[in-house]
Amino acid sequence: MHTMIYDSDAFSVFQLDWAREADSAPEAAPNQGGFEIVDKFARKEIFLEGHVADGFRARVRSLMEGSPSTEDIDEFLDGFSALSRLNLHAH
């Protein structure tokens, strides 16, 4: 399942959950999947999975406890843009 969880003028964040798609695979972990962060201005994307995705999820939960503004969330996501080396291509 591919779900948009955040969208602003600067960023979009999608949560990918393969465990729901692989219901027939009993060994599928409940948190299997990841996050795709799209930096719209830089036209770059990054995919987070595994321990990095778990850390991202925990940091997002912590951030959301403080009722952040869109600017706060975009600033948080901008910290991940530096990790991206993939240019975004429209299909």
Protein backbone atom coordinates (compact mmCIF):
# COMPACT_ATOMS: atom_id res chain seq x y z
CA MET A 1 0.00 0.00 0.00
CA HIS A 2 1.27 3.45 -0.95
CA THR A 3 -0.24 6.21 1.23
CA MET A 4 0.49 9.94 1.14
CA ILE A 5 0.94 11.03 4.74
CA TYR A 6 2.13 14.61 4.18
CA ASP A 7 1.98 17.15 1.37
CA SER A 8 3.08 20.79 1.27
CA ASP A 9 4.42 23.16 -1.36
CA ALA A 10 7.94 21.89 -0.61
CA PHE A 11 7.59 18.19 0.31
CA SER A 12 5.48 15.08 -0.07
CA VAL A 13 5.90 12.01 2.12
CA PHE A 14 4.54 8.60 1.22
CA GLN A 15 4.37 5.57 3.50
CA LEU A 16 4.86 2.23 1.77
CA ASP A 17 3.57 -0.82 3.61
CA TRP A 18 4.35 -4.08 1.85
CA ALA A 19 3.10 -6.28 4.69
CA ARG A 20 -0.50 -5.43 3.80
CA GLU A 21 0.13 -6.33 0.17
CA ALA A 22 1.77 -9.60 1.14
CA ASP A 23 -0.98 -10.95 3.40
CA SER A 24 -0.24 -14.45 2.10
CA ALA A 25 3.33 -14.25 3.43
CA PRO A 26 3.15 -15.14 7.16
CA GLU A 27 6.79 -14.16 7.70
CA ALA A 28 6.12 -10.54 6.66
CA ALA A 29 7.01 -8.11 9.43
CA PRO A 30 4.22 -5.71 10.45
CA ASN A 31 6.43 -2.64 9.85
CA GLN A 32 7.91 -3.90 6.59
CA GLY A 33 8.01 -1.07 4.08
CA GLY A 34 9.40 2.40 4.27
CA PHE A 35 8.97 6.07 3.50
CA GLU A 36 9.54 8.04 0.32
CA ILE A 37 10.30 11.74 0.82
CA VAL A 38 10.00 13.97 -2.25
CA ASP A 39 11.69 17.39 -2.18
CA LYS A 40 9.67 19.30 -4.75
CA PHE A 41 12.01 22.30 -5.03
CA ALA A 42 15.21 20.28 -5.39
CA ARG A 43 13.36 17.70 -7.52
CA LYS A 44 14.90 14.88 -5.51
CA GLU A 45 13.58 11.89 -3.64
CA ILE A 46 14.86 9.61 -0.91
CA PHE A 47 13.63 6.22 0.25
CA LEU A 48 13.99 5.23 3.90
CA GLU A 49 13.65 1.62 5.03
CA GLY A 50 14.65 -0.67 7.87
CA HIS A 51 16.16 0.93 10.97
CA VAL A 52 16.35 4.33 9.28
CA ALA A 53 12.59 4.21 8.58
CA ASP A 54 11.94 3.14 12.18
CA GLY A 55 13.98 6.12 13.40
CA PHE A 56 12.17 8.45 11.01
CA ARG A 57 8.79 7.17 12.28
CA ALA A 58 9.83 7.75 15.90
CA ARG A 59 11.10 11.27 15.15
CA VAL A 60 7.88 12.13 13.30
CA ARG A 61 5.79 10.95 16.26
CA SER A 62 7.88 13.09 18.59
CA LEU A 63 7.57 16.10 16.28
CA MET A 64 3.79 15.70 16.02
CA GLU A 65 3.39 15.79 19.81
CA GLY A 66 4.29 19.49 19.69
CA SER A 67 1.59 20.49 17.14
CA PRO A 68 4.14 21.68 14.56
CA SER A 69 3.42 24.16 11.80
CA THR A 70 3.91 23.31 8.13
CA GLU A 71 7.17 25.28 8.28
CA ASP A 72 8.38 23.13 11.21
CA ILE A 73 7.59 19.92 9.34
CA ASP A 74 9.22 21.17 6.14
CA GLU A 75 12.34 22.14 8.09
CA PHE A 76 12.46 18.66 9.63
CA LEU A 77 12.10 17.02 6.21
CA ASP A 78 14.72 19.32 4.71
CA GLY A 79 17.25 17.59 6.94
CA PHE A 80 16.65 14.39 4.99
CA SER A 81 16.99 16.07 1.58
CA ALA A 82 20.75 16.20 1.98
CA LEU A 83 20.75 12.38 1.93
CA SER A 84 19.12 12.23 -1.47
CA ARG A 85 21.15 11.61 -4.59
CA LEU A 86 18.26 10.51 -6.79
CA ASN A 87 16.83 13.05 -9.19
CA LEU A 88 13.09 12.90 -9.52
CA HIS A 89 11.82 11.77 -12.93
CA ALA A 90 8.21 12.02 -14.01
CA HIS A 91 6.80 8.84 -15.53
